[in-house]
């Protein structure tokens, strides 16, 4: 599998506008590594209040975009299966988070994800967000899988 489109993303993630922060997943090796894309546009609601005169995409949303891309990489095979019920993916931890450059409208964030390990429903990922070749943010993310909600 090399790419997941919006249909796959919507099937796997419960997030919807304005909180769906992954536009595409490209070059994915399920359960191993992958790359997502988040297009940052001035039309996003966050920019009405997050420094309107000098808009900067919030670091917490960069972390969330990396987490959403991590779920897509870790569970890509489920996104193309015929599962009727969705799992819920929750933060279990964020370690070593660093922000290296501001992300502004017009930037395209490349979300590079590497699976570090998984054990008993908790997955650990190395996540990096880049604008072009420049590192914007990085973190180690832990995500817990919770079974389908009733």
Protein backbone atom coordinates (compact mmCIF):
# COMPACT_ATOMS: atom_id res chain seq x y z
CA UNK A 1 0.00 0.00 0.00
CA UNK A 2 1.49 3.34 -0.89
CA UNK A 3 -1.19 5.97 -0.23
CA UNK A 4 -4.33 6.55 1.82
CA UNK A 5 -6.84 9.08 0.57
CA UNK A 6 -9.43 11.13 2.45
CA UNK A 7 -11.97 8.27 2.26
CA UNK A 8 -9.57 5.99 4.17
CA UNK A 9 -8.74 8.72 6.69
CA UNK A 10 -12.42 9.39 7.41
CA UNK A 11 -13.02 5.67 7.87
CA UNK A 12 -10.29 5.27 10.47
CA UNK A 13 -10.36 8.58 12.36
CA UNK A 14 -13.47 9.91 14.11
CA UNK A 15 -12.26 13.52 13.63
CA UNK A 16 -14.13 15.88 11.32
CA UNK A 17 -13.77 19.52 10.31
CA UNK A 18 -12.32 21.61 11.81
CA UNK A 19 -10.32 19.04 13.78
CA UNK A 20 -9.33 16.60 11.04
CA UNK A 21 -5.70 17.61 10.54
CA UNK A 22 -4.40 15.09 7.98
CA UNK A 23 -5.24 15.67 4.31
CA UNK A 24 -3.47 12.63 2.85
CA UNK A 25 -1.14 9.82 3.81
CA UNK A 26 1.52 9.04 1.23
CA UNK A 27 4.16 6.37 1.04
CA UNK A 28 2.81 4.29 3.92
CA UNK A 29 4.17 0.95 5.07
CA UNK A 30 1.42 -0.13 7.52
CA UNK A 31 2.63 -0.67 11.05
CA UNK A 32 6.14 0.51 10.18
CA UNK A 33 6.41 4.05 8.78
CA UNK A 34 4.68 6.60 6.61
CA UNK A 35 4.25 10.20 5.62
CA UNK A 36 1.17 12.37 5.96
CA UNK A 37 0.37 15.80 4.61
CA UNK A 38 -1.36 18.71 6.33
CA UNK A 39 -1.97 21.76 4.18
CA UNK A 40 -2.05 24.85 6.38
CA UNK A 41 -4.38 27.50 4.95
CA UNK A 42 -5.36 30.96 6.15
CA UNK A 43 -9.03 29.84 6.09
CA UNK A 44 -8.60 27.65 9.18
CA UNK A 45 -10.70 28.85 12.13
CA UNK A 46 -7.71 28.91 14.50
CA UNK A 47 -6.22 31.89 12.69
CA UNK A 48 -9.06 34.21 13.67
CA UNK A 49 -7.72 34.21 17.22
CA UNK A 50 -4.17 32.86 17.14
CA UNK A 51 -2.21 35.99 16.39
CA UNK A 52 -4.52 37.46 13.69
CA UNK A 53 -1.91 40.04 12.68
CA UNK A 54 0.84 37.43 12.53
CA UNK A 55 -0.84 34.01 12.12
CA UNK A 56 1.06 31.02 13.50
CA UNK A 57 -0.31 27.48 13.47
CA UNK A 58 -0.44 26.36 17.15
CA UNK A 59 2.12 23.81 18.30
CA UNK A 60 -0.57 21.75 19.99
CA UNK A 61 -2.30 21.34 16.60
CA UNK A 62 0.99 20.27 15.01
CA UNK A 63 1.22 17.59 17.73
CA UNK A 64 -2.37 16.57 17.00
CA UNK A 65 -1.66 16.35 13.26
CA UNK A 66 1.35 14.13 14.00
CA UNK A 67 -0.81 11.94 16.26
CA UNK A 68 -3.51 11.59 13.60
CA UNK A 69 -0.89 10.67 11.01
CA UNK A 70 0.58 8.16 13.49
CA UNK A 71 -2.79 6.45 13.82
CA UNK A 72 -3.03 6.25 10.04
CA UNK A 73 0.43 4.64 9.80
CA UNK A 74 -0.11 2.27 12.72
CA UNK A 75 -3.54 1.13 11.61
CA UNK A 76 -3.57 1.70 7.84
CA UNK A 77 -4.72 -1.85 7.13
CA UNK A 78 -7.90 -1.22 9.12
CA UNK A 79 -8.62 1.87 7.03
CA UNK A 80 -9.04 -0.28 3.92
CA UNK A 81 -10.82 -3.21 5.57
CA UNK A 82 -14.55 -3.59 6.00
CA UNK A 83 -14.66 -2.80 9.72
CA UNK A 84 -18.07 -1.51 10.74
CA UNK A 85 -17.12 -0.21 14.18
CA UNK A 86 -14.34 2.26 14.89
CA UNK A 87 -11.67 2.01 17.54
CA UNK A 88 -10.85 5.11 19.51
CA UNK A 89 -7.22 6.26 19.57
CA UNK A 90 -6.18 8.33 22.58
CA UNK A 91 -2.98 10.04 23.65
CA UNK A 92 -1.13 8.01 26.28
CA UNK A 93 1.91 10.28 26.32
CA UNK A 94 3.97 12.92 24.58
CA UNK A 95 7.72 12.92 25.15
CA UNK A 96 10.61 14.97 23.80
CA UNK A 97 8.34 17.50 22.04
CA UNK A 98 10.34 20.24 20.34
CA UNK A 99 9.32 23.11 18.08
CA UNK A 100 11.97 24.41 15.70
CA UNK A 101 10.20 26.86 13.41
CA UNK A 102 6.82 28.58 13.15
CA UNK A 103 4.26 27.08 10.78
CA UNK A 104 2.24 29.72 8.93
CA UNK A 105 -0.56 29.81 6.36
CA UNK A 106 0.65 28.54 3.00
CA UNK A 107 2.99 25.96 4.55
CA UNK A 108 2.59 22.31 3.73
CA UNK A 109 3.44 20.11 6.70
CA UNK A 110 4.96 16.74 5.90
CA UNK A 111 4.31 14.42 8.84
CA UNK A 112 7.00 11.73 8.96
CA UNK A 113 6.04 8.86 11.24
CA UNK A 114 8.04 5.85 12.38
CA UNK A 115 6.60 3.10 14.60
CA UNK A 116 8.97 2.51 17.52
CA UNK A 117 7.05 -0.28 19.27
CA UNK A 118 3.65 -1.57 20.33
CA UNK A 119 2.64 -3.52 23.36
CA UNK A 120 -0.77 -4.38 24.82
CA UNK A 121 -2.68 -1.76 22.85
CA UNK A 122 -0.19 1.07 23.36
CA UNK A 123 1.82 2.20 20.37
CA UNK A 124 4.88 4.43 20.42
CA UNK A 125 5.81 6.59 17.43
CA UNK A 126 8.66 8.88 16.45
CA UNK A 127 6.98 11.82 14.72
CA UNK A 128 8.46 14.72 12.81
CA UNK A 129 6.73 17.62 11.07
CA UNK A 130 8.64 19.28 8.26
CA UNK A 131 8.04 22.25 5.98
CA UNK A 132 10.06 21.41 2.91
CA UNK A 133 13.38 20.10 4.23
CA UNK A 134 13.17 22.17 7.41
CA UNK A 135 12.18 20.51 10.71
CA UNK A 136 9.23 22.34 12.30
CA UNK A 137 8.47 19.99 15.22
CA UNK A 138 9.27 16.56 16.59
CA UNK A 139 8.03 14.32 19.40
CA UNK A 140 7.70 10.76 20.61
CA UNK A 141 4.00 9.98 20.84
CA UNK A 142 2.26 7.18 22.69
CA UNK A 143 -1.22 6.27 21.53
CA UNK A 144 -3.58 3.85 23.27
CA UNK A 145 -6.14 1.87 21.30
CA UNK A 146 -9.57 1.55 22.84
CA UNK A 147 -12.03 -0.91 21.30
CA UNK A 148 -15.23 0.10 19.48
CA UNK A 149 -17.52 2.34 21.50
CA UNK A 150 -21.12 1.34 22.05
